[in-house]
All heavy atoms as atom14 arrays in JSON, in Angstrom:
{
  "sequence": "VVRDDSGVEQPVAVKVLRPGIERRLRRDLSDMYFAARFAERHSRDA",
  "atom14_mask": [
    [1, 1, 1, 1, 1, 1, 1, 0, 0, 0, 0, 0, 0, 0],
    [1, 1, 1, 1, 1, 1, 1, 0, 0, 0, 0, 0, 0, 0],
    [1, 1, 1, 1, 1, 1, 1, 1, 1, 1, 1, 0, 0, 0],
    [1, 1, 1, 1, 1, 1, 1, 1, 0, 0, 0, 0, 0, 0],
    [1, 1, 1, 1, 1, 1, 1, 1, 0, 0, 0, 0, 0, 0],
    [1, 1, 1, 1, 1, 1, 0, 0, 0, 0, 0, 0, 0, 0],
    [1, 1, 1, 1, 0, 0, 0, 0, 0, 0, 0, 0, 0, 0],
    [1, 1, 1, 1, 1, 1, 1, 0, 0, 0, 0, 0, 0, 0],
    [1, 1, 1, 1, 1, 1, 1, 1, 1, 0, 0, 0, 0, 0],
    [1, 1, 1, 1, 1, 1, 1, 1, 1, 0, 0, 0, 0, 0],
    [1, 1, 1, 1, 1, 1, 1, 0, 0, 0, 0, 0, 0, 0],
    [1, 1, 1, 1, 1, 1, 1, 0, 0, 0, 0, 0, 0, 0],
    [1, 1, 1, 1, 1, 0, 0, 0, 0, 0, 0, 0, 0, 0],
    [1, 1, 1, 1, 1, 1, 1, 0, 0, 0, 0, 0, 0, 0],
    [1, 1, 1, 1, 1, 1, 1, 1, 1, 0, 0, 0, 0, 0],
    [1, 1, 1, 1, 1, 1, 1, 0, 0, 0, 0, 0, 0, 0],
    [1, 1, 1, 1, 1, 1, 1, 1, 0, 0, 0, 0, 0, 0],
    [1, 1, 1, 1, 1, 1, 1, 1, 1, 1, 1, 0, 0, 0],
    [1, 1, 1, 1, 1, 1, 1, 0, 0, 0, 0, 0, 0, 0],
    [1, 1, 1, 1, 0, 0, 0, 0, 0, 0, 0, 0, 0, 0],
    [1, 1, 1, 1, 1, 1, 1, 1, 0, 0, 0, 0, 0, 0],
    [1, 1, 1, 1, 1, 1, 1, 1, 1, 0, 0, 0, 0, 0],
    [1, 1, 1, 1, 1, 1, 1, 1, 1, 1, 1, 0, 0, 0],
    [1, 1, 1, 1, 1, 1, 1, 1, 1, 1, 1, 0, 0, 0],
    [1, 1, 1, 1, 1, 1, 1, 1, 0, 0, 0, 0, 0, 0],
    [1, 1, 1, 1, 1, 1, 1, 1, 1, 1, 1, 0, 0, 0],
    [1, 1, 1, 1, 1, 1, 1, 1, 1, 1, 1, 0, 0, 0],
    [1, 1, 1, 1, 1, 1, 1, 1, 0, 0, 0, 0, 0, 0],
    [1, 1, 1, 1, 1, 1, 1, 1, 0, 0, 0, 0, 0, 0],
    [1, 1, 1, 1, 1, 1, 0, 0, 0, 0, 0, 0, 0, 0],
    [1, 1, 1, 1, 1, 1, 1, 1, 0, 0, 0, 0, 0, 0],
    [1, 1, 1, 1, 1, 1, 1, 1, 0, 0, 0, 0, 0, 0],
    [1, 1, 1, 1, 1, 1, 1, 1, 1, 1, 1, 1, 0, 0],
    [1, 1, 1, 1, 1, 1, 1, 1, 1, 1, 1, 0, 0, 0],
    [1, 1, 1, 1, 1, 0, 0, 0, 0, 0, 0, 0, 0, 0],
    [1, 1, 1, 1, 1, 0, 0, 0, 0, 0, 0, 0, 0, 0],
    [1, 1, 1, 1, 1, 1, 1, 1, 1, 1, 1, 0, 0, 0],
    [1, 1, 1, 1, 1, 1, 1, 1, 1, 1, 1, 0, 0, 0],
    [1, 1, 1, 1, 1, 0, 0, 0, 0, 0, 0, 0, 0, 0],
    [1, 1, 1, 1, 1, 1, 1, 1, 1, 0, 0, 0, 0, 0],
    [1, 1, 1, 1, 1, 1, 1, 1, 1, 1, 1, 0, 0, 0],
    [1, 1, 1, 1, 1, 1, 1, 1, 1, 1, 0, 0, 0, 0],
    [1, 1, 1, 1, 1, 1, 0, 0, 0, 0, 0, 0, 0, 0],
    [1, 1, 1, 1, 1, 1, 1, 1, 1, 1, 1, 0, 0, 0],
    [1, 1, 1, 1, 1, 1, 1, 1, 0, 0, 0, 0, 0, 0],
    [1, 1, 1, 1, 1, 0, 0, 0, 0, 0, 0, 0, 0, 0]
  ],
  "atom14_positions": [
    [[0.89, -1.2, -0.01], [-0.03, 0.0, -0.03], [0.9, 1.26, 0.0], [1.9, 1.26, 0.73], [-0.89, 0.0, 1.2], [-1.71, 1.3, 1.35], [-1.87, -1.17, 1.14], [0.0, 0.0, 0.0], [0.0, 0.0, 0.0], [0.0, 0.0, 0.0], [0.0, 0.0, 0.0], [0.0, 0.0, 0.0], [0.0, 0.0, 0.0], [0.0, 0.0, 0.0]],
    [[0.53, 2.25, -0.89], [1.28, 3.43, -0.89], [0.42, 4.7, -0.56], [-0.9, 4.43, -0.59], [1.91, 3.69, -2.27], [2.91, 2.58, -2.63], [0.89, 3.83, -3.38], [0.0, 0.0, 0.0], [0.0, 0.0, 0.0], [0.0, 0.0, 0.0], [0.0, 0.0, 0.0], [0.0, 0.0, 0.0], [0.0, 0.0, 0.0], [0.0, 0.0, 0.0]],
    [[0.94, 5.76, -0.23], [0.09, 6.87, 0.07], [0.56, 8.08, -0.93], [1.74, 8.36, -0.99], [0.37, 7.38, 1.55], [-0.43, 8.55, 1.95], [-0.27, 9.01, 3.4], [-0.74, 8.06, 4.36], [0.06, 7.29, 5.11], [1.44, 7.42, 5.16], [-0.41, 6.41, 5.95], [0.0, 0.0, 0.0], [0.0, 0.0, 0.0], [0.0, 0.0, 0.0]],
    [[-0.39, 8.51, -1.7], [-0.07, 9.51, -2.7], [0.04, 10.93, -2.0], [-0.02, 11.08, -0.84], [-1.14, 9.51, -3.82], [-2.56, 9.92, -3.27], [-2.69, 10.46, -2.24], [-3.57, 9.54, -3.92], [0.0, 0.0, 0.0], [0.0, 0.0, 0.0], [0.0, 0.0, 0.0], [0.0, 0.0, 0.0], [0.0, 0.0, 0.0], [0.0, 0.0, 0.0]],
    [[0.33, 11.91, -2.83], [0.61, 13.24, -2.32], [-0.54, 13.84, -1.62], [-0.33, 14.71, -0.71], [0.94, 14.18, -3.63], [2.31, 13.77, -4.18], [3.06, 13.11, -3.55], [2.48, 14.03, -5.45], [0.0, 0.0, 0.0], [0.0, 0.0, 0.0], [0.0, 0.0, 0.0], [0.0, 0.0, 0.0], [0.0, 0.0, 0.0], [0.0, 0.0, 0.0]],
    [[-1.77, 13.42, -1.94], [-3.0, 13.95, -1.27], [-3.35, 13.17, 0.04], [-4.32, 13.46, 0.67], [-4.16, 13.97, -2.18], [-4.47, 12.7, -2.62], [0.0, 0.0, 0.0], [0.0, 0.0, 0.0], [0.0, 0.0, 0.0], [0.0, 0.0, 0.0], [0.0, 0.0, 0.0], [0.0, 0.0, 0.0], [0.0, 0.0, 0.0], [0.0, 0.0, 0.0]],
    [[-2.46, 12.19, 0.34], [-2.64, 11.38, 1.53], [-3.57, 10.21, 1.32], [-3.9, 9.46, 2.37], [0.0, 0.0, 0.0], [0.0, 0.0, 0.0], [0.0, 0.0, 0.0], [0.0, 0.0, 0.0], [0.0, 0.0, 0.0], [0.0, 0.0, 0.0], [0.0, 0.0, 0.0], [0.0, 0.0, 0.0], [0.0, 0.0, 0.0], [0.0, 0.0, 0.0]],
    [[-3.99, 9.89, 0.16], [-4.84, 8.77, -0.1], [-4.08, 7.46, -0.34], [-3.08, 7.48, -1.05], [-5.77, 9.09, -1.38], [-6.57, 7.81, -1.76], [-6.6, 10.22, -1.24], [0.0, 0.0, 0.0], [0.0, 0.0, 0.0], [0.0, 0.0, 0.0], [0.0, 0.0, 0.0], [0.0, 0.0, 0.0], [0.0, 0.0, 0.0], [0.0, 0.0, 0.0]],
    [[-4.53, 6.46, 0.38], [-3.79, 5.17, 0.28], [-4.3, 4.36, -0.89], [-5.61, 4.27, -1.13], [-3.97, 4.4, 1.51], [-3.22, 5.13, 2.78], [-3.31, 4.24, 4.06], [-3.9, 3.18, 4.04], [-2.6, 4.62, 5.05], [0.0, 0.0, 0.0], [0.0, 0.0, 0.0], [0.0, 0.0, 0.0], [0.0, 0.0, 0.0], [0.0, 0.0, 0.0]],
    [[-3.37, 3.81, -1.7], [-3.71, 3.01, -2.76], [-2.95, 1.67, -2.8], [-1.78, 1.61, -2.48], [-3.34, 3.79, -4.13], [-3.98, 5.06, -4.28], [-5.48, 4.96, -4.7], [-5.94, 3.79, -5.06], [-6.3, 6.01, -4.62], [0.0, 0.0, 0.0], [0.0, 0.0, 0.0], [0.0, 0.0, 0.0], [0.0, 0.0, 0.0], [0.0, 0.0, 0.0]],
    [[-3.67, 0.56, -3.17], [-2.88, -0.71, -3.17], [-2.07, -0.84, -4.53], [-2.47, -0.33, -5.46], [-4.08, -1.73, -3.22], [-5.16, -1.04, -3.76], [-5.01, 0.42, -3.39], [0.0, 0.0, 0.0], [0.0, 0.0, 0.0], [0.0, 0.0, 0.0], [0.0, 0.0, 0.0], [0.0, 0.0, 0.0], [0.0, 0.0, 0.0], [0.0, 0.0, 0.0]],
    [[-0.89, -1.39, -4.36], [-0.02, -1.59, -5.53], [0.54, -3.06, -5.51], [0.55, -3.76, -4.55], [1.11, -0.59, -5.55], [0.68, 0.8, -5.76], [1.91, -0.71, -4.2], [0.0, 0.0, 0.0], [0.0, 0.0, 0.0], [0.0, 0.0, 0.0], [0.0, 0.0, 0.0], [0.0, 0.0, 0.0], [0.0, 0.0, 0.0], [0.0, 0.0, 0.0]],
    [[1.05, -3.49, -6.68], [1.72, -4.79, -6.79], [3.17, -4.44, -6.93], [3.54, -3.68, -7.79], [1.26, -5.5, -7.96], [0.0, 0.0, 0.0], [0.0, 0.0, 0.0], [0.0, 0.0, 0.0], [0.0, 0.0, 0.0], [0.0, 0.0, 0.0], [0.0, 0.0, 0.0], [0.0, 0.0, 0.0], [0.0, 0.0, 0.0], [0.0, 0.0, 0.0]],
    [[4.11, -5.11, -6.16], [5.43, -4.78, -6.21], [6.24, -6.1, -6.62], [6.08, -7.1, -6.0], [6.04, -4.34, -4.8], [7.45, -4.0, -4.94], [5.2, -3.14, -4.3], [0.0, 0.0, 0.0], [0.0, 0.0, 0.0], [0.0, 0.0, 0.0], [0.0, 0.0, 0.0], [0.0, 0.0, 0.0], [0.0, 0.0, 0.0], [0.0, 0.0, 0.0]],
    [[6.94, -6.01, -7.69], [7.74, -7.15, -8.34], [9.26, -6.94, -7.92], [9.81, -5.95, -8.2], [7.49, -7.26, -9.77], [8.11, -8.46, -10.42], [7.66, -8.4, -11.91], [8.27, -9.58, -12.74], [7.93, -9.56, -14.15], [0.0, 0.0, 0.0], [0.0, 0.0, 0.0], [0.0, 0.0, 0.0], [0.0, 0.0, 0.0], [0.0, 0.0, 0.0]],
    [[9.78, -7.9, -7.34], [11.2, -7.86, -6.8], [11.97, -8.95, -7.46], [11.63, -10.1, -7.52], [11.25, -8.02, -5.32], [12.62, -7.75, -4.82], [10.3, -7.01, -4.66], [0.0, 0.0, 0.0], [0.0, 0.0, 0.0], [0.0, 0.0, 0.0], [0.0, 0.0, 0.0], [0.0, 0.0, 0.0], [0.0, 0.0, 0.0], [0.0, 0.0, 0.0]],
    [[13.12, -8.6, -7.97], [14.01, -9.55, -8.72], [14.65, -10.5, -7.6], [15.03, -10.14, -6.57], [15.14, -8.79, -9.43], [16.06, -9.54, -10.32], [15.38, -9.94, -11.61], [17.33, -8.83, -10.76], [0.0, 0.0, 0.0], [0.0, 0.0, 0.0], [0.0, 0.0, 0.0], [0.0, 0.0, 0.0], [0.0, 0.0, 0.0], [0.0, 0.0, 0.0]],
    [[14.68, -11.75, -8.04], [15.27, -12.82, -7.2], [16.84, -12.57, -6.96], [17.54, -12.44, -8.12], [14.99, -14.23, -7.92], [15.57, -15.41, -6.96], [15.03, -16.7, -7.51], [13.61, -16.83, -7.49], [12.94, -17.36, -6.54], [13.68, -17.85, -5.43], [11.61, -17.51, -6.5], [0.0, 0.0, 0.0], [0.0, 0.0, 0.0], [0.0, 0.0, 0.0]],
    [[17.26, -12.54, -5.78], [18.68, -12.28, -5.57], [19.64, -13.33, -6.21], [19.27, -14.52, -6.13], [18.83, -12.36, -4.09], [17.46, -12.03, -3.59], [16.45, -12.6, -4.53], [0.0, 0.0, 0.0], [0.0, 0.0, 0.0], [0.0, 0.0, 0.0], [0.0, 0.0, 0.0], [0.0, 0.0, 0.0], [0.0, 0.0, 0.0], [0.0, 0.0, 0.0]],
    [[20.59, -12.91, -6.88], [21.72, -13.81, -7.53], [21.28, -14.37, -8.8], [22.04, -15.08, -9.49], [0.0, 0.0, 0.0], [0.0, 0.0, 0.0], [0.0, 0.0, 0.0], [0.0, 0.0, 0.0], [0.0, 0.0, 0.0], [0.0, 0.0, 0.0], [0.0, 0.0, 0.0], [0.0, 0.0, 0.0], [0.0, 0.0, 0.0], [0.0, 0.0, 0.0]],
    [[20.04, -14.01, -9.31], [19.57, -14.69, -10.62], [20.29, -14.15, -11.81], [20.62, -14.92, -12.71], [18.02, -14.44, -10.69], [17.47, -15.3, -11.83], [17.72, -12.99, -10.98], [17.49, -16.8, -11.66], [0.0, 0.0, 0.0], [0.0, 0.0, 0.0], [0.0, 0.0, 0.0], [0.0, 0.0, 0.0], [0.0, 0.0, 0.0], [0.0, 0.0, 0.0]],
    [[20.77, -12.93, -11.72], [21.48, -12.34, -12.95], [22.75, -13.15, -13.36], [23.04, -13.45, -14.48], [21.74, -10.9, -12.83], [20.51, -10.02, -12.8], [20.89, -8.53, -12.65], [20.98, -8.08, -11.53], [21.11, -7.88, -13.7], [0.0, 0.0, 0.0], [0.0, 0.0, 0.0], [0.0, 0.0, 0.0], [0.0, 0.0, 0.0], [0.0, 0.0, 0.0]],
    [[23.48, -13.41, -12.26], [24.79, -14.13, -12.48], [24.61, -15.5, -13.08], [25.19, -15.95, -13.95], [25.59, -14.18, -11.18], [26.93, -14.93, -11.27], [27.53, -14.95, -9.93], [26.79, -15.66, -8.96], [26.91, -17.05, -8.88], [27.63, -17.76, -9.75], [26.14, -17.68, -7.99], [0.0, 0.0, 0.0], [0.0, 0.0, 0.0], [0.0, 0.0, 0.0]],
    [[23.53, -16.23, -12.52], [23.3, -17.55, -12.92], [22.75, -17.59, -14.39], [23.18, -18.38, -15.21], [22.23, -18.22, -12.11], [21.89, -19.68, -12.47], [21.16, -20.47, -11.54], [20.87, -21.73, -11.98], [20.25, -22.64, -11.3], [19.77, -22.39, -10.07], [20.12, -23.92, -11.71], [0.0, 0.0, 0.0], [0.0, 0.0, 0.0], [0.0, 0.0, 0.0]],
    [[21.91, -16.62, -14.76], [21.35, -16.56, -16.11], [22.5, -16.25, -17.16], [22.52, -16.8, -18.24], [20.32, -15.49, -16.28], [18.91, -15.93, -15.57], [17.98, -14.79, -15.53], [18.34, -17.07, -16.31], [0.0, 0.0, 0.0], [0.0, 0.0, 0.0], [0.0, 0.0, 0.0], [0.0, 0.0, 0.0], [0.0, 0.0, 0.0], [0.0, 0.0, 0.0]],
    [[23.36, -15.32, -16.74], [24.51, -14.86, -17.71], [25.35, -16.18, -17.9], [25.8, -16.43, -19.09], [25.33, -13.78, -17.06], [24.73, -12.49, -17.33], [25.9, -11.38, -16.97], [26.31, -11.36, -15.62], [25.83, -10.79, -14.58], [24.74, -10.0, -14.89], [26.39, -10.88, -13.4], [0.0, 0.0, 0.0], [0.0, 0.0, 0.0], [0.0, 0.0, 0.0]],
    [[25.62, -17.01, -16.93], [26.5, -18.15, -17.09], [25.83, -19.2, -17.89], [26.42, -19.69, -18.82], [26.72, -18.76, -15.63], [27.78, -19.87, -15.74], [27.67, -20.7, -14.45], [26.42, -21.43, -14.26], [26.11, -22.04, -13.21], [26.76, -22.02, -12.06], [24.83, -22.62, -13.08], [0.0, 0.0, 0.0], [0.0, 0.0, 0.0], [0.0, 0.0, 0.0]],
    [[24.55, -19.42, -17.71], [23.82, -20.47, -18.49], [23.68, -19.92, -19.92], [23.81, -20.76, -20.86], [22.51, -20.69, -17.91], [22.54, -21.41, -16.64], [23.55, -21.98, -16.31], [21.45, -21.48, -15.84], [0.0, 0.0, 0.0], [0.0, 0.0, 0.0], [0.0, 0.0, 0.0], [0.0, 0.0, 0.0], [0.0, 0.0, 0.0], [0.0, 0.0, 0.0]],
    [[23.38, -18.77, -20.18], [23.3, -18.12, -21.61], [24.61, -18.29, -22.25], [24.69, -18.62, -23.4], [22.77, -16.73, -21.59], [21.27, -16.57, -21.31], [20.93, -15.21, -21.09], [20.42, -17.16, -22.45], [0.0, 0.0, 0.0], [0.0, 0.0, 0.0], [0.0, 0.0, 0.0], [0.0, 0.0, 0.0], [0.0, 0.0, 0.0], [0.0, 0.0, 0.0]],
    [[25.71, -18.1, -21.56], [27.05, -18.22, -22.14], [27.3, -19.66, -22.62], [27.79, -19.88, -23.65], [28.1, -17.74, -21.12], [29.45, -17.89, -21.7], [0.0, 0.0, 0.0], [0.0, 0.0, 0.0], [0.0, 0.0, 0.0], [0.0, 0.0, 0.0], [0.0, 0.0, 0.0], [0.0, 0.0, 0.0], [0.0, 0.0, 0.0], [0.0, 0.0, 0.0]],
    [[26.85, -20.65, -21.71], [26.96, -22.03, -22.17], [26.12, -22.27, -23.42], [26.58, -23.05, -24.29], [26.48, -22.94, -21.02], [27.41, -22.81, -19.78], [28.54, -22.41, -19.91], [26.92, -23.2, -18.69], [0.0, 0.0, 0.0], [0.0, 0.0, 0.0], [0.0, 0.0, 0.0], [0.0, 0.0, 0.0], [0.0, 0.0, 0.0], [0.0, 0.0, 0.0]],
    [[24.91, -21.71, -23.47], [24.0, -21.93, -24.65], [24.65, -21.41, -25.83], [24.58, -21.99, -26.94], [22.67, -21.36, -24.4], [21.86, -22.08, -23.27], [20.25, -21.24, -22.93], [19.86, -22.09, -21.42], [0.0, 0.0, 0.0], [0.0, 0.0, 0.0], [0.0, 0.0, 0.0], [0.0, 0.0, 0.0], [0.0, 0.0, 0.0], [0.0, 0.0, 0.0]],
    [[25.23, -20.28, -25.79], [25.97, -19.62, -26.95], [27.12, -20.53, -27.44], [27.35, -20.65, -28.7], [26.48, -18.25, -26.56], [25.56, -17.09, -26.81], [25.09, -16.33, -25.69], [25.05, -16.77, -28.11], [24.25, -15.21, -25.96], [24.16, -15.76, -28.28], [23.77, -15.03, -27.25], [22.89, -13.93, -27.48], [0.0, 0.0, 0.0], [0.0, 0.0, 0.0]],
    [[27.87, -20.98, -26.46], [29.0, -21.84, -26.8], [28.49, -23.14, -27.6], [29.05, -23.51, -28.56], [29.7, -22.27, -25.56], [30.89, -23.29, -25.67], [32.12, -22.82, -26.11], [30.64, -24.69, -25.69], [33.16, -23.68, -26.34], [31.7, -25.52, -25.73], [33.0, -25.06, -26.17], [0.0, 0.0, 0.0], [0.0, 0.0, 0.0], [0.0, 0.0, 0.0]],
    [[27.4, -23.76, -27.06], [26.87, -24.92, -27.77], [26.26, -24.56, -29.14], [26.56, -25.32, -30.06], [25.79, -25.5, -26.91], [0.0, 0.0, 0.0], [0.0, 0.0, 0.0], [0.0, 0.0, 0.0], [0.0, 0.0, 0.0], [0.0, 0.0, 0.0], [0.0, 0.0, 0.0], [0.0, 0.0, 0.0], [0.0, 0.0, 0.0], [0.0, 0.0, 0.0]],
    [[25.61, -23.49, -29.23], [25.05, -23.02, -30.5], [26.12, -22.8, -31.58], [25.98, -23.17, -32.71], [24.18, -21.77, -30.37], [0.0, 0.0, 0.0], [0.0, 0.0, 0.0], [0.0, 0.0, 0.0], [0.0, 0.0, 0.0], [0.0, 0.0, 0.0], [0.0, 0.0, 0.0], [0.0, 0.0, 0.0], [0.0, 0.0, 0.0], [0.0, 0.0, 0.0]],
    [[27.12, -22.11, -31.14], [28.2, -21.84, -32.11], [28.93, -23.05, -32.57], [29.3, -23.27, -33.69], [29.31, -20.77, -31.54], [28.65, -19.38, -31.28], [29.72, -18.44, -30.8], [29.21, -17.13, -30.52], [28.9, -16.6, -29.27], [29.34, -17.37, -28.18], [28.49, -15.49, -29.06], [0.0, 0.0, 0.0], [0.0, 0.0, 0.0], [0.0, 0.0, 0.0]],
    [[29.15, -23.92, -31.66], [29.68, -25.3, -31.9], [28.86, -26.01, -32.86], [29.34, -26.65, -33.88], [29.86, -26.16, -30.6], [30.64, -27.36, -30.85], [32.01, -27.43, -30.78], [29.93, -28.58, -31.1], [32.61, -28.5, -30.92], [30.59, -29.8, -31.14], [31.94, -29.75, -31.09], [0.0, 0.0, 0.0], [0.0, 0.0, 0.0], [0.0, 0.0, 0.0]],
    [[27.55, -25.99, -32.77], [26.62, -26.63, -33.66], [26.69, -26.16, -34.97], [26.67, -26.78, -36.0], [25.15, -26.67, -33.03], [0.0, 0.0, 0.0], [0.0, 0.0, 0.0], [0.0, 0.0, 0.0], [0.0, 0.0, 0.0], [0.0, 0.0, 0.0], [0.0, 0.0, 0.0], [0.0, 0.0, 0.0], [0.0, 0.0, 0.0], [0.0, 0.0, 0.0]],
    [[26.61, -24.76, -35.1], [26.63, -24.13, -36.42], [28.01, -24.38, -37.12], [28.0, -24.48, -38.4], [26.43, -22.61, -36.15], [25.04, -22.24, -35.97], [24.76, -20.76, -36.28], [25.79, -19.97, -36.51], [23.56, -20.28, -36.08], [0.0, 0.0, 0.0], [0.0, 0.0, 0.0], [0.0, 0.0, 0.0], [0.0, 0.0, 0.0], [0.0, 0.0, 0.0]],
    [[28.97, -24.54, -36.36], [30.31, -24.72, -37.0], [30.47, -26.19, -37.49], [31.22, -26.41, -38.47], [31.5, -24.48, -35.93], [32.89, -24.34, -36.58], [33.93, -24.07, -35.52], [33.59, -22.84, -34.85], [33.44, -22.71, -33.56], [33.5, -23.84, -32.78], [33.35, -21.56, -32.96], [0.0, 0.0, 0.0], [0.0, 0.0, 0.0], [0.0, 0.0, 0.0]],
    [[29.75, -27.09, -36.85], [29.91, -28.58, -37.21], [28.79, -29.22, -37.87], [28.81, -30.47, -38.12], [30.41, -29.3, -35.91], [31.68, -28.93, -35.45], [31.86, -27.83, -34.54], [32.97, -29.37, -35.71], [33.17, -27.76, -34.21], [33.82, -28.62, -34.93], [0.0, 0.0, 0.0], [0.0, 0.0, 0.0], [0.0, 0.0, 0.0], [0.0, 0.0, 0.0]],
    [[27.62, -28.48, -38.1], [26.48, -29.1, -38.61], [25.83, -28.32, -39.7], [25.62, -27.03, -39.55], [25.41, -29.29, -37.6], [24.21, -29.73, -38.16], [0.0, 0.0, 0.0], [0.0, 0.0, 0.0], [0.0, 0.0, 0.0], [0.0, 0.0, 0.0], [0.0, 0.0, 0.0], [0.0, 0.0, 0.0], [0.0, 0.0, 0.0], [0.0, 0.0, 0.0]],
    [[25.62, -28.87, -40.86], [25.0, -28.07, -42.01], [23.54, -27.77, -41.72], [23.02, -26.74, -42.17], [25.15, -28.98, -43.3], [26.57, -29.13, -43.8], [26.56, -29.93, -45.16], [27.89, -30.05, -45.61], [28.22, -30.7, -46.68], [27.22, -31.34, -47.43], [29.53, -30.86, -47.14], [0.0, 0.0, 0.0], [0.0, 0.0, 0.0], [0.0, 0.0, 0.0]],
    [[22.88, -28.73, -41.1], [21.42, -28.5, -40.81], [21.36, -27.26, -39.89], [20.26, -26.52, -39.91], [20.79, -29.68, -40.07], [20.66, -30.85, -40.99], [20.61, -30.6, -42.28], [20.55, -31.93, -40.59], [0.0, 0.0, 0.0], [0.0, 0.0, 0.0], [0.0, 0.0, 0.0], [0.0, 0.0, 0.0], [0.0, 0.0, 0.0], [0.0, 0.0, 0.0]],
    [[22.29, -27.07, -38.99], [22.22, -25.83, -38.03], [22.21, -24.54, -38.78], [21.67, -23.49, -38.23], [23.35, -25.88, -37.07], [0.0, 0.0, 0.0], [0.0, 0.0, 0.0], [0.0, 0.0, 0.0], [0.0, 0.0, 0.0], [0.0, 0.0, 0.0], [0.0, 0.0, 0.0], [0.0, 0.0, 0.0], [0.0, 0.0, 0.0], [0.0, 0.0, 0.0]]
  ]
}
C-alpha cells in the first residue's frame, strides 16, 4: 500500500528480482551460446 501526495492510500503490486539470478542466467546463456556456435560450426542443418 502506498500513500499519494494527497494522503490517499492505494494498493499496488511490487515485483522484486530474485537475488543472484542475474549471475546464474549470464552463465547459462554463455553455455548456450557456446553450444550453438559449436553446432553451427559442425552441422550443415544448423
